């Protein structure tokens, strides 16, 4: 699976940052996401939407990245919202109880509107 690449596309909507994940998020690629989220938060961005539409696979290592940052973001009044998850990716989140911890919505616009409401 190492030949399958993982990319992150960054977009900004006012003070909300949107990260679009593509490919496979596993132990090999998780540091890439950890670095991207860490950089955003270090730069003072605490309203983050992560789009999963093009993500084909996530492992527990990938899930762990979200756990690393969620408390820090929420302590500053921000949040990390998750959008457009494929059913098989959602299943992994669901098995580990993540829907109790994270808001998972159908579309980016819904997630973005929750920050502006």
PDB file of N, CA and C in Angstrom:
ATOM      1  N   UNK A   1       0.812  -1.201   0.000  1.00  0.00           N
ATOM      2  CA  UNK A   1       0.000   0.000   0.000  1.00  0.00           C
ATOM      3  C   UNK A   1       0.857   1.268   0.000  1.00  0.00           C
ATOM      4  N   UNK A   2       2.137   1.134   0.204  1.00  0.00           N
ATOM      5  CA  UNK A   2       2.999   2.300   0.300  1.00  0.00           C
ATOM      6  C   UNK A   2       3.058   3.119  -0.983  1.00  0.00           C
ATOM      7  N   UNK A   3       2.713   2.508  -2.113  1.00  0.00           N
ATOM      8  CA  UNK A   3       2.764   3.238  -3.369  1.00  0.00           C
ATOM      9  C   UNK A   3       1.520   4.099  -3.583  1.00  0.00           C
ATOM     10  N   UNK A   4       0.497   3.867  -2.759  1.00  0.00           N
ATOM     11  CA  UNK A   4      -0.712   4.686  -2.850  1.00  0.00           C
ATOM     12  C   UNK A   4      -0.438   5.993  -2.130  1.00  0.00           C
ATOM     13  N   UNK A   5      -0.656   7.082  -2.840  1.00  0.00           N
ATOM     14  CA  UNK A   5      -0.299   8.357  -2.211  1.00  0.00           C
ATOM     15  C   UNK A   5      -1.448   8.952  -1.423  1.00  0.00           C
ATOM     16  N   UNK A   6      -1.075   9.882  -0.588  1.00  0.00           N
ATOM     17  CA  UNK A   6      -2.011  10.590   0.263  1.00  0.00           C
ATOM     18  C   UNK A   6      -1.743  12.071   0.074  1.00  0.00           C
ATOM     19  N   UNK A   7      -2.794  12.829  -0.198  1.00  0.00           N
ATOM     20  CA  UNK A   7      -2.615  14.263  -0.382  1.00  0.00           C
ATOM     21  C   UNK A   7      -3.624  15.035   0.461  1.00  0.00           C
ATOM     22  N   UNK A   8      -3.263  16.274   0.755  1.00  0.00           N
ATOM     23  CA  UNK A   8      -4.142  17.175   1.494  1.00  0.00           C
ATOM     24  C   UNK A   8      -4.220  18.481   0.714  1.00  0.00           C
ATOM     25  N   UNK A   9      -5.433  18.880   0.374  1.00  0.00           N
ATOM     26  CA  UNK A   9      -5.668  20.147  -0.306  1.00  0.00           C
ATOM     27  C   UNK A   9      -6.198  21.141   0.730  1.00  0.00           C
ATOM     28  N   UNK A  10      -5.617  22.326   0.794  1.00  0.00           N
ATOM     29  CA  UNK A  10      -6.013  23.355   1.763  1.00  0.00           C
ATOM     30  C   UNK A  10      -6.851  24.429   1.086  1.00  0.00           C
ATOM     31  N   UNK A  11      -7.949  24.813   1.751  1.00  0.00           N
ATOM     32  CA  UNK A  11      -8.754  25.942   1.289  1.00  0.00           C
ATOM     33  C   UNK A  11      -9.145  26.765   2.500  1.00  0.00           C
ATOM     34  N   UNK A  12      -9.409  28.053   2.299  1.00  0.00           N
ATOM     35  CA  UNK A  12      -9.843  28.926   3.384  1.00  0.00           C
ATOM     36  C   UNK A  12     -11.197  29.524   3.057  1.00  0.00           C
ATOM     37  N   UNK A  13     -12.050  29.572   4.079  1.00  0.00           N
ATOM     38  CA  UNK A  13     -13.345  30.236   3.977  1.00  0.00           C
ATOM     39  C   UNK A  13     -13.426  31.165   5.177  1.00  0.00           C
ATOM     40  N   UNK A  14     -12.963  32.392   5.013  1.00  0.00           N
ATOM     41  CA  UNK A  14     -12.879  33.316   6.145  1.00  0.00           C
ATOM     42  C   UNK A  14     -11.889  32.766   7.158  1.00  0.00           C
ATOM     43  N   UNK A  15     -12.358  32.616   8.405  1.00  0.00           N
ATOM     44  CA  UNK A  15     -11.472  32.103   9.440  1.00  0.00           C
ATOM     45  C   UNK A  15     -11.579  30.583   9.608  1.00  0.00           C
ATOM     46  N   UNK A  16     -12.272  29.934   8.668  1.00  0.00           N
ATOM     47  CA  UNK A  16     -12.397  28.477   8.704  1.00  0.00           C
ATOM     48  C   UNK A  16     -11.466  27.869   7.648  1.00  0.00           C
ATOM     49  N   UNK A  17     -10.722  26.864   8.059  1.00  0.00           N
ATOM     50  CA  UNK A  17      -9.813  26.166   7.147  1.00  0.00           C
ATOM     51  C   UNK A  17     -10.437  24.828   6.764  1.00  0.00           C
ATOM     52  N   UNK A  18     -10.392  24.514   5.474  1.00  0.00           N
ATOM     53  CA  UNK A  18     -10.919  23.260   4.964  1.00  0.00           C
ATOM     54  C   UNK A  18      -9.752  22.420   4.446  1.00  0.00           C
ATOM     55  N   UNK A  19      -9.644  21.209   4.944  1.00  0.00           N
ATOM     56  CA  UNK A  19      -8.637  20.260   4.471  1.00  0.00           C
ATOM     57  C   UNK A  19      -9.364  19.148   3.733  1.00  0.00           C
ATOM     58  N   UNK A  20      -8.975  18.909   2.491  1.00  0.00           N
ATOM     59  CA  UNK A  20      -9.567  17.821   1.712  1.00  0.00           C
ATOM     60  C   UNK A  20      -8.544  16.690   1.623  1.00  0.00           C
ATOM     61  N   UNK A  21      -8.910  15.549   2.187  1.00  0.00           N
ATOM     62  CA  UNK A  21      -8.009  14.401   2.213  1.00  0.00           C
ATOM     63  C   UNK A  21      -8.271  13.514   1.005  1.00  0.00           C
ATOM     64  N   UNK A  22      -7.195  12.934   0.475  1.00  0.00           N
ATOM     65  CA  UNK A  22      -7.333  12.057  -0.683  1.00  0.00           C
ATOM     66  C   UNK A  22      -6.364  10.895  -0.536  1.00  0.00           C
ATOM     67  N   UNK A  23      -6.867   9.678  -0.810  1.00  0.00           N
ATOM     68  CA  UNK A  23      -6.005   8.511  -0.822  1.00  0.00           C
ATOM     69  C   UNK A  23      -6.150   7.638   0.406  1.00  0.00           C
ATOM     70  N   UNK A  24      -5.013   7.219   0.951  1.00  0.00           N
ATOM     71  CA  UNK A  24      -4.975   6.294   2.081  1.00  0.00           C
ATOM     72  C   UNK A  24      -4.324   6.964   3.283  1.00  0.00           C
ATOM     73  N   UNK A  25      -5.034   6.974   4.396  1.00  0.00           N
ATOM     74  CA  UNK A  25      -4.512   7.544   5.640  1.00  0.00           C
ATOM     75  C   UNK A  25      -4.204   6.390   6.587  1.00  0.00           C
ATOM     76  N   UNK A  26      -2.918   6.076   6.693  1.00  0.00           N
ATOM     77  CA  UNK A  26      -2.497   4.952   7.529  1.00  0.00           C
ATOM     78  C   UNK A  26      -1.257   5.355   8.326  1.00  0.00           C
ATOM     79  N   UNK A  27      -0.586   4.397   8.916  1.00  0.00           N
ATOM     80  CA  UNK A  27       0.584   4.698   9.749  1.00  0.00           C
ATOM     81  C   UNK A  27       1.682   5.409   8.964  1.00  0.00           C
ATOM     82  N   UNK A  28       1.770   5.145   7.670  1.00  0.00           N
ATOM     83  CA  UNK A  28       2.811   5.773   6.844  1.00  0.00           C
ATOM     84  C   UNK A  28       2.476   7.215   6.484  1.00  0.00           C
ATOM     85  N   UNK A  29       1.185   7.501   6.314  1.00  0.00           N
ATOM     86  CA  UNK A  29       0.787   8.836   5.865  1.00  0.00           C
ATOM     87  C   UNK A  29       0.245   9.718   6.990  1.00  0.00           C
ATOM     88  N   UNK A  30      -0.083   9.129   8.140  1.00  0.00           N
ATOM     89  CA  UNK A  30      -0.632   9.900   9.263  1.00  0.00           C
ATOM     90  C   UNK A  30       0.265  11.077   9.672  1.00  0.00           C
ATOM     91  N   UNK A  31       1.604  10.935   9.672  1.00  0.00           N
ATOM     92  CA  UNK A  31       2.439  12.082  10.044  1.00  0.00           C
ATOM     93  C   UNK A  31       2.226  13.300   9.136  1.00  0.00           C
ATOM     94  N   UNK A  32       1.870  13.065   7.880  1.00  0.00           N
ATOM     95  CA  UNK A  32       1.591  14.151   6.937  1.00  0.00           C
ATOM     96  C   UNK A  32       0.370  14.957   7.412  1.00  0.00           C
ATOM     97  N   UNK A  33      -0.687  14.248   7.822  1.00  0.00           N
ATOM     98  CA  UNK A  33      -1.886  14.912   8.336  1.00  0.00           C
ATOM     99  C   UNK A  33      -1.589  15.578   9.677  1.00  0.00           C
ATOM    100  N   UNK A  34      -0.823  14.893  10.518  1.00  0.00           N
ATOM    101  CA  UNK A  34      -0.485  15.454  11.829  1.00  0.00           C
ATOM    102  C   UNK A  34       0.259  16.779  11.670  1.00  0.00           C
ATOM    103  N   UNK A  35       1.165  16.827  10.724  1.00  0.00           N
ATOM    104  CA  UNK A  35       1.927  18.037  10.448  1.00  0.00           C
ATOM    105  C   UNK A  35       1.009  19.148   9.923  1.00  0.00           C
ATOM    106  N   UNK A  36       0.102  18.803   9.005  1.00  0.00           N
ATOM    107  CA  UNK A  36      -0.809  19.800   8.425  1.00  0.00           C
ATOM    108  C   UNK A  36      -1.715  20.402   9.497  1.00  0.00           C
ATOM    109  N   UNK A  37      -2.297  19.553  10.337  1.00  0.00           N
ATOM    110  CA  UNK A  37      -3.171  20.048  11.398  1.00  0.00           C
ATOM    111  C   UNK A  37      -2.367  20.840  12.429  1.00  0.00           C
ATOM    112  N   UNK A  38      -1.214  20.332  12.790  1.00  0.00           N
ATOM    113  CA  UNK A  38      -0.359  21.016  13.759  1.00  0.00           C
ATOM    114  C   UNK A  38       0.023  22.410  13.302  1.00  0.00           C
ATOM    115  N   UNK A  39       0.371  22.524  12.019  1.00  0.00           N
ATOM    116  CA  UNK A  39       0.735  23.827  11.460  1.00  0.00           C
ATOM    117  C   UNK A  39      -0.444  24.804  11.505  1.00  0.00           C
ATOM    118  N   UNK A  40      -1.635  24.316  11.135  1.00  0.00           N
ATOM    119  CA  UNK A  40      -2.824  25.184  11.167  1.00  0.00           C
ATOM    120  C   UNK A  40      -3.064  25.713  12.570  1.00  0.00           C
ATOM    121  N   UNK A  41      -3.024  24.801  13.542  1.00  0.00           N
ATOM    122  CA  UNK A  41      -3.328  25.166  14.923  1.00  0.00           C
ATOM    123  C   UNK A  41      -2.254  26.096  15.482  1.00  0.00           C
ATOM    124  N   UNK A  42      -1.007  25.819  15.167  1.00  0.00           N
ATOM    125  CA  UNK A  42       0.098  26.664  15.619  1.00  0.00           C
ATOM    126  C   UNK A  42      -0.034  28.085  15.066  1.00  0.00           C
ATOM    127  N   UNK A  43      -0.602  28.179  13.857  1.00  0.00           N
ATOM    128  CA  UNK A  43      -0.801  29.491  13.227  1.00  0.00           C
ATOM    129  C   UNK A  43      -2.073  30.189  13.713  1.00  0.00           C
ATOM    130  N   UNK A  44      -2.754  29.595  14.693  1.00  0.00           N
ATOM    131  CA  UNK A  44      -3.929  30.231  15.275  1.00  0.00           C
ATOM    132  C   UNK A  44      -5.246  29.878  14.617  1.00  0.00           C
ATOM    133  N   UNK A  45      -5.257  28.837  13.783  1.00  0.00           N
ATOM    134  CA  UNK A  45      -6.513  28.405  13.149  1.00  0.00           C
ATOM    135  C   UNK A  45      -7.147  27.322  14.021  1.00  0.00           C
ATOM    136  N   UNK A  46      -8.343  27.609  14.512  1.00  0.00           N
ATOM    137  CA  UNK A  46      -8.990  26.654  15.412  1.00  0.00           C
ATOM    138  C   UNK A  46     -10.372  26.240  14.923  1.00  0.00           C
ATOM    139  N   UNK A  47     -10.727  26.692  13.731  1.00  0.00           N
ATOM    140  CA  UNK A  47     -11.984  26.273  13.105  1.00  0.00           C
ATOM    141  C   UNK A  47     -11.595  25.496  11.855  1.00  0.00           C
ATOM    142  N   UNK A  48     -11.748  24.176  11.933  1.00  0.00           N
ATOM    143  CA  UNK A  48     -11.227  23.312  10.874  1.00  0.00           C
ATOM    144  C   UNK A  48     -12.309  22.334  10.419  1.00  0.00           C
ATOM    145  N   UNK A  49     -12.458  22.226   9.097  1.00  0.00           N
ATOM    146  CA  UNK A  49     -13.330  21.221   8.498  1.00  0.00           C
ATOM    147  C   UNK A  49     -12.429  20.268   7.719  1.00  0.00           C
ATOM    148  N   UNK A  50     -12.633  18.976   7.932  1.00  0.00           N
ATOM    149  CA  UNK A  50     -11.862  17.974   7.200  1.00  0.00           C
ATOM    150  C   UNK A  50     -12.820  17.193   6.313  1.00  0.00           C
ATOM    151  N   UNK A  51     -12.572  17.273   5.006  1.00  0.00           N
ATOM    152  CA  UNK A  51     -13.411  16.607   4.007  1.00  0.00           C
ATOM    153  C   UNK A  51     -12.793  15.250   3.663  1.00  0.00           C
ATOM    154  N   UNK A  52     -13.625  14.213   3.711  1.00  0.00           N
ATOM    155  CA  UNK A  52     -13.178  12.835   3.491  1.00  0.00           C
ATOM    156  C   UNK A  52     -13.656  12.261   2.158  1.00  0.00           C
ATOM    157  N   UNK A  53     -14.230  13.087   1.308  1.00  0.00           N
ATOM    158  CA  UNK A  53     -14.856  12.590   0.073  1.00  0.00           C
ATOM    159  C   UNK A  53     -13.926  11.712  -0.759  1.00  0.00           C
ATOM    160  N   UNK A  54     -12.657  12.092  -0.861  1.00  0.00           N
ATOM    161  CA  UNK A  54     -11.700  11.348  -1.694  1.00  0.00           C
ATOM    162  C   UNK A  54     -10.790  10.430  -0.872  1.00  0.00           C
ATOM    163  N   UNK A  55     -11.113  10.252   0.408  1.00  0.00           N
ATOM    164  CA  UNK A  55     -10.311   9.355   1.243  1.00  0.00           C
ATOM    165  C   UNK A  55     -10.876   7.949   1.112  1.00  0.00           C
ATOM    166  N   UNK A  56     -10.033   7.019   0.680  1.00  0.00           N
ATOM    167  CA  UNK A  56     -10.484   5.654   0.441  1.00  0.00           C
ATOM    168  C   UNK A  56     -10.275   4.719   1.624  1.00  0.00           C
ATOM    169  N   UNK A  57      -9.381   5.112   2.541  1.00  0.00           N
ATOM    170  CA  UNK A  57      -9.052   4.211   3.641  1.00  0.00           C
ATOM    171  C   UNK A  57      -8.509   5.019   4.818  1.00  0.00           C
ATOM    172  N   UNK A  58      -8.862   4.595   6.022  1.00  0.00           N
ATOM    173  CA  UNK A  58      -8.270   5.199   7.223  1.00  0.00           C
ATOM    174  C   UNK A  58      -7.979   4.084   8.222  1.00  0.00           C
ATOM    175  N   UNK A  59      -6.827   4.154   8.852  1.00  0.00           N
ATOM    176  CA  UNK A  59      -6.454   3.176   9.880  1.00  0.00           C
ATOM    177  C   UNK A  59      -6.552   3.840  11.253  1.00  0.00           C
ATOM    178  N   UNK A  60      -6.307   3.061  12.286  1.00  0.00           N
ATOM    179  CA  UNK A  60      -6.349   3.618  13.640  1.00  0.00           C
ATOM    180  C   UNK A  60      -5.289   4.705  13.810  1.00  0.00           C
ATOM    181  N   UNK A  61      -4.182   4.594  13.101  1.00  0.00           N
ATOM    182  CA  UNK A  61      -3.148   5.640  13.169  1.00  0.00           C
ATOM    183  C   UNK A  61      -3.701   6.962  12.636  1.00  0.00           C
ATOM    184  N   UNK A  62      -4.472   6.888  11.571  1.00  0.00           N
ATOM    185  CA  UNK A  62      -5.106   8.083  11.017  1.00  0.00           C
ATOM    186  C   UNK A  62      -6.114   8.681  11.977  1.00  0.00           C
ATOM    187  N   UNK A  63      -6.905   7.818  12.608  1.00  0.00           N
ATOM    188  CA  UNK A  63      -7.883   8.289  13.583  1.00  0.00           C
ATOM    189  C   UNK A  63      -7.191   8.973  14.761  1.00  0.00           C
ATOM    190  N   UNK A  64      -6.065   8.422  15.157  1.00  0.00           N
ATOM    191  CA  UNK A  64      -5.326   8.959  16.288  1.00  0.00           C
ATOM    192  C   UNK A  64      -4.910  10.403  16.105  1.00  0.00           C
ATOM    193  N   UNK A  65      -4.643  10.789  14.860  1.00  0.00           N
ATOM    194  CA  UNK A  65      -4.237  12.172  14.578  1.00  0.00           C
ATOM    195  C   UNK A  65      -5.325  13.145  15.042  1.00  0.00           C
ATOM    196  N   UNK A  66      -6.577  12.792  14.806  1.00  0.00           N
ATOM    197  CA  UNK A  66      -7.677  13.678  15.205  1.00  0.00           C
ATOM    198  C   UNK A  66      -7.761  13.783  16.722  1.00  0.00           C
ATOM    199  N   UNK A  67      -7.499  12.686  17.421  1.00  0.00           N
ATOM    200  CA  UNK A  67      -7.543  12.692  18.878  1.00  0.00           C
ATOM    201  C   UNK A  67      -6.434  13.567  19.466  1.00  0.00           C
ATOM    202  N   UNK A  68      -5.289  13.628  18.777  1.00  0.00           N
ATOM    203  CA  UNK A  68      -4.162  14.416  19.258  1.00  0.00           C
ATOM    204  C   UNK A  68      -4.556  15.891  19.388  1.00  0.00           C
ATOM    205  N   UNK A  69      -5.341  16.389  18.444  1.00  0.00           N
ATOM    206  CA  UNK A  69      -5.588  17.832  18.355  1.00  0.00           C
ATOM    207  C   UNK A  69      -6.943  18.323  18.849  1.00  0.00           C
ATOM    208  N   UNK A  70      -7.923  17.432  18.968  1.00  0.00           N
ATOM    209  CA  UNK A  70      -9.284  17.917  19.227  1.00  0.00           C
ATOM    210  C   UNK A  70      -9.394  18.691  20.539  1.00  0.00           C
ATOM    211  N   UNK A  71      -8.708  18.241  21.589  1.00  0.00           N
ATOM    212  CA  UNK A  71      -8.802  18.933  22.868  1.00  0.00           C
ATOM    213  C   UNK A  71      -8.205  20.338  22.789  1.00  0.00           C
ATOM    214  N   UNK A  72      -7.031  20.450  22.174  1.00  0.00           N
ATOM    215  CA  UNK A  72      -6.370  21.754  22.032  1.00  0.00           C
ATOM    216  C   UNK A  72      -7.262  22.737  21.284  1.00  0.00           C
ATOM    217  N   UNK A  73      -7.864  22.269  20.209  1.00  0.00           N
ATOM    218  CA  UNK A  73      -8.714  23.130  19.382  1.00  0.00           C
ATOM    219  C   UNK A  73      -9.944  23.584  20.157  1.00  0.00           C
ATOM    220  N   UNK A  74     -10.559  22.655  20.883  1.00  0.00           N
ATOM    221  CA  UNK A  74     -11.777  23.004  21.620  1.00  0.00           C
ATOM    222  C   UNK A  74     -11.482  23.913  22.813  1.00  0.00           C
ATOM    223  N   UNK A  75     -10.297  23.789  23.404  1.00  0.00           N
ATOM    224  CA  UNK A  75      -9.938  24.653  24.531  1.00  0.00           C
ATOM    225  C   UNK A  75      -9.820  26.112  24.099  1.00  0.00           C
ATOM    226  N   UNK A  76      -9.614  26.350  22.807  1.00  0.00           N
ATOM    227  CA  UNK A  76      -9.505  27.721  22.303  1.00  0.00           C
ATOM    228  C   UNK A  76     -10.818  28.191  21.676  1.00  0.00           C
ATOM    229  N   UNK A  77     -11.879  27.410  21.865  1.00  0.00           N
ATOM    230  CA  UNK A  77     -13.180  27.811  21.332  1.00  0.00           C
ATOM    231  C   UNK A  77     -13.426  27.359  19.906  1.00  0.00           C
ATOM    232  N   UNK A  78     -12.529  26.561  19.352  1.00  0.00           N
ATOM    233  CA  UNK A  78     -12.696  26.070  17.990  1.00  0.00           C
ATOM    234  C   UNK A  78     -13.228  24.646  17.968  1.00  0.00           C
ATOM    235  N   UNK A  79     -13.145  24.029  16.798  1.00  0.00           N
ATOM    236  CA  UNK A  79     -13.590  22.642  16.651  1.00  0.00           C
ATOM    237  C   UNK A  79     -13.031  22.079  15.348  1.00  0.00           C
ATOM    238  N   UNK A  80     -13.095  20.776  15.236  1.00  0.00           N
ATOM    239  CA  UNK A  80     -12.766  20.088  13.997  1.00  0.00           C
ATOM    240  C   UNK A  80     -14.037  19.346  13.579  1.00  0.00           C
ATOM    241  N   UNK A  81     -14.604  19.746  12.447  1.00  0.00           N
ATOM    242  CA  UNK A  81     -15.800  19.097  11.908  1.00  0.00           C
ATOM    243  C   UNK A  81     -15.366  18.195  10.754  1.00  0.00           C
ATOM    244  N   UNK A  82     -16.057  17.078  10.581  1.00  0.00           N
ATOM    245  CA  UNK A  82     -15.712  16.100   9.550  1.00  0.00           C
ATOM    246  C   UNK A  82     -16.855  16.015   8.556  1.00  0.00           C
ATOM    247  N   UNK A  83     -16.519  15.969   7.246  1.00  0.00           N
ATOM    248  CA  UNK A  83     -17.583  15.958   6.240  1.00  0.00           C
ATOM    249  C   UNK A  83     -17.331  14.960   5.114  1.00  0.00           C
ATOM    250  N   UNK A  84     -18.440  14.586   4.466  1.00  0.00           N
ATOM    251  CA  UNK A  84     -18.463  13.782   3.233  1.00  0.00           C
ATOM    252  C   UNK A  84     -17.689  12.467   3.337  1.00  0.00           C
ATOM    253  N   UNK A  85     -17.933  11.726   4.418  1.00  0.00           N
ATOM    254  CA  UNK A  85     -17.258  10.445   4.623  1.00  0.00           C
ATOM    255  C   UNK A  85     -17.901   9.330   3.803  1.00  0.00           C
ATOM    256  N   UNK A  86     -17.065   8.525   3.179  1.00  0.00           N
ATOM    257  CA  UNK A  86     -17.562   7.330   2.507  1.00  0.00           C
ATOM    258  C   UNK A  86     -18.029   6.355   3.585  1.00  0.00           C
ATOM    259  N   UNK A  87     -19.022   5.510   3.262  1.00  0.00           N
ATOM    260  CA  UNK A  87     -19.530   4.580   4.280  1.00  0.00           C
ATOM    261  C   UNK A  87     -18.445   3.717   4.932  1.00  0.00           C
ATOM    262  N   UNK A  88     -17.500   3.220   4.143  1.00  0.00           N
ATOM    263  CA  UNK A  88     -16.496   2.336   4.754  1.00  0.00           C
ATOM    264  C   UNK A  88     -15.542   3.094   5.672  1.00  0.00           C
ATOM    265  N   UNK A  89     -15.305   4.373   5.398  1.00  0.00           N
ATOM    266  CA  UNK A  89     -14.481   5.195   6.289  1.00  0.00           C
ATOM    267  C   UNK A  89     -15.284   5.535   7.546  1.00  0.00           C
ATOM    268  N   UNK A  90     -16.566   5.865   7.361  1.00  0.00           N
ATOM    269  CA  UNK A  90     -17.421   6.169   8.513  1.00  0.00           C
ATOM    270  C   UNK A  90     -17.498   4.974   9.447  1.00  0.00           C
ATOM    271  N   UNK A  91     -17.563   3.769   8.912  1.00  0.00           N
ATOM    272  CA  UNK A  91     -17.650   2.561   9.728  1.00  0.00           C
ATOM    273  C   UNK A  91     -16.488   2.462  10.705  1.00  0.00           C
ATOM    274  N   UNK A  92     -15.288   2.810  10.239  1.00  0.00           N
ATOM    275  CA  UNK A  92     -14.114   2.774  11.116  1.00  0.00           C
ATOM    276  C   UNK A  92     -14.284   3.806  12.236  1.00  0.00           C
ATOM    277  N   UNK A  93     -14.726   5.002  11.894  1.00  0.00           N
ATOM    278  CA  UNK A  93     -14.972   6.037  12.904  1.00  0.00           C
ATOM    279  C   UNK A  93     -16.033   5.558  13.896  1.00  0.00           C
ATOM    280  N   UNK A  94     -17.096   4.966  13.356  1.00  0.00           N
ATOM    281  CA  UNK A  94     -18.227   4.540  14.166  1.00  0.00           C
ATOM    282  C   UNK A  94     -17.831   3.428  15.138  1.00  0.00           C
ATOM    283  N   UNK A  95     -17.042   2.477  14.684  1.00  0.00           N
ATOM    284  CA  UNK A  95     -16.613   1.360  15.535  1.00  0.00           C
ATOM    285  C   UNK A  95     -15.858   1.850  16.763  1.00  0.00           C
ATOM    286  N   UNK A  96     -15.130   2.952  16.609  1.00  0.00           N
ATOM    287  CA  UNK A  96     -14.329   3.471  17.712  1.00  0.00           C
ATOM    288  C   UNK A  96     -15.031   4.591  18.487  1.00  0.00           C
ATOM    289  N   UNK A  97     -16.318   4.790  18.200  1.00  0.00           N
ATOM    290  CA  UNK A  97     -17.096   5.766  18.961  1.00  0.00           C
ATOM    291  C   UNK A  97     -16.848   7.220  18.600  1.00  0.00           C
ATOM    292  N   UNK A  98     -16.235   7.465  17.459  1.00  0.00           N
ATOM    293  CA  UNK A  98     -15.904   8.844  17.085  1.00  0.00           C
ATOM    294  C   UNK A  98     -17.117   9.740  16.837  1.00  0.00           C
ATOM    295  N   UNK A  99     -18.259   9.202  16.365  1.00  0.00           N
ATOM    296  CA  UNK A  99     -19.405  10.102  16.180  1.00  0.00           C
ATOM    297  C   UNK A  99     -19.876  10.750  17.492  1.00  0.00           C
ATOM    298  N   UNK A 100     -19.479  10.188  18.635  1.00  0.00           N
ATOM    299  CA  UNK A 100     -19.807  10.794  19.925  1.00  0.00           C
ATOM    300  C   UNK A 100     -18.883  11.991  20.199  1.00  0.00           C
ATOM    301  N   UNK A 101     -17.680  11.971  19.617  1.00  0.00           N
ATOM    302  CA  UNK A 101     -16.673  12.986  19.894  1.00  0.00           C
ATOM    303  C   UNK A 101     -16.600  14.080  18.834  1.00  0.00           C
ATOM    304  N   UNK A 102     -16.923  13.719  17.607  1.00  0.00           N
ATOM    305  CA  UNK A 102     -16.784  14.639  16.476  1.00  0.00           C
ATOM    306  C   UNK A 102     -18.115  14.807  15.771  1.00  0.00           C
ATOM    307  N   UNK A 103     -18.344  16.017  15.266  1.00  0.00           N
ATOM    308  CA  UNK A 103     -19.524  16.255  14.453  1.00  0.00           C
ATOM    309  C   UNK A 103     -19.197  15.844  13.024  1.00  0.00           C
ATOM    310  N   UNK A 104     -19.961  14.885  12.512  1.00  0.00           N
ATOM    311  CA  UNK A 104     -19.751  14.376  11.155  1.00  0.00           C
ATOM    312  C   UNK A 104     -20.987  14.750  10.341  1.00  0.00           C
ATOM    313  N   UNK A 105     -20.770  15.522   9.272  1.00  0.00           N
ATOM    314  CA  UNK A 105     -21.887  16.030   8.471  1.00  0.00           C
ATOM    315  C   UNK A 105     -21.758  15.582   7.007  1.00  0.00           C
ATOM    316  N   UNK A 106     -22.845  15.764   6.273  1.00  0.00           N
ATOM    317  CA  UNK A 106     -22.878  15.274   4.887  1.00  0.00           C
ATOM    318  C   UNK A 106     -22.078  16.117   3.909  1.00  0.00           C
ATOM    319  N   UNK A 107     -22.062  17.440   4.113  1.00  0.00           N
ATOM    320  CA  UNK A 107     -21.423  18.321   3.136  1.00  0.00           C
ATOM    321  C   UNK A 107     -20.597  19.409   3.817  1.00  0.00           C
ATOM    322  N   UNK A 108     -19.592  19.905   3.113  1.00  0.00           N
ATOM    323  CA  UNK A 108     -18.741  20.977   3.629  1.00  0.00           C
ATOM    324  C   UNK A 108     -19.562  22.190   4.038  1.00  0.00           C
ATOM    325  N   UNK A 109     -20.566  22.542   3.207  1.00  0.00           N
ATOM    326  CA  UNK A 109     -21.353  23.744   3.473  1.00  0.00           C
ATOM    327  C   UNK A 109     -22.028  23.671   4.837  1.00  0.00           C
ATOM    328  N   UNK A 110     -22.488  22.474   5.212  1.00  0.00           N
ATOM    329  CA  UNK A 110     -23.139  22.312   6.523  1.00  0.00           C
ATOM    330  C   UNK A 110     -22.114  22.565   7.625  1.00  0.00           C
ATOM    331  N   UNK A 111     -20.930  21.973   7.474  1.00  0.00           N
ATOM    332  CA  UNK A 111     -19.876  22.152   8.479  1.00  0.00           C
ATOM    333  C   UNK A 111     -19.447  23.612   8.569  1.00  0.00           C
ATOM    334  N   UNK A 112     -19.265  24.249   7.427  1.00  0.00           N
ATOM    335  CA  UNK A 112     -18.865  25.651   7.412  1.00  0.00           C
ATOM    336  C   UNK A 112     -19.921  26.533   8.086  1.00  0.00           C
ATOM    337  N   UNK A 113     -21.186  26.244   7.819  1.00  0.00           N
ATOM    338  CA  UNK A 113     -22.265  27.077   8.371  1.00  0.00           C
ATOM    339  C   UNK A 113     -22.332  26.939   9.883  1.00  0.00           C
ATOM    340  N   UNK A 114     -21.906  25.819  10.434  1.00  0.00           N
ATOM    341  CA  UNK A 114     -21.924  25.627  11.889  1.00  0.00           C
ATOM    342  C   UNK A 114     -20.923  26.550  12.565  1.00  0.00           C
ATOM    343  N   UNK A 115     -19.865  26.924  11.855  1.00  0.00           N
ATOM    344  CA  UNK A 115     -18.897  27.847  12.437  1.00  0.00           C
ATOM    345  C   UNK A 115     -19.363  29.297  12.349  1.00  0.00           C
ATOM    346  N   UNK A 116     -20.221  29.599  11.384  1.00  0.00           N
ATOM    347  CA  UNK A 116     -20.665  30.983  11.210  1.00  0.00           C
ATOM    348  C   UNK A 116     -21.992  31.256  11.901  1.00  0.00           C
ATOM    349  N   UNK A 117     -22.643  30.195  12.336  1.00  0.00           N
ATOM    350  CA  UNK A 117     -23.964  30.356  12.987  1.00  0.00           C
ATOM    351  C   UNK A 117     -23.847  31.066  14.331  1.00  0.00           C
TER     352      UNK A 117
END
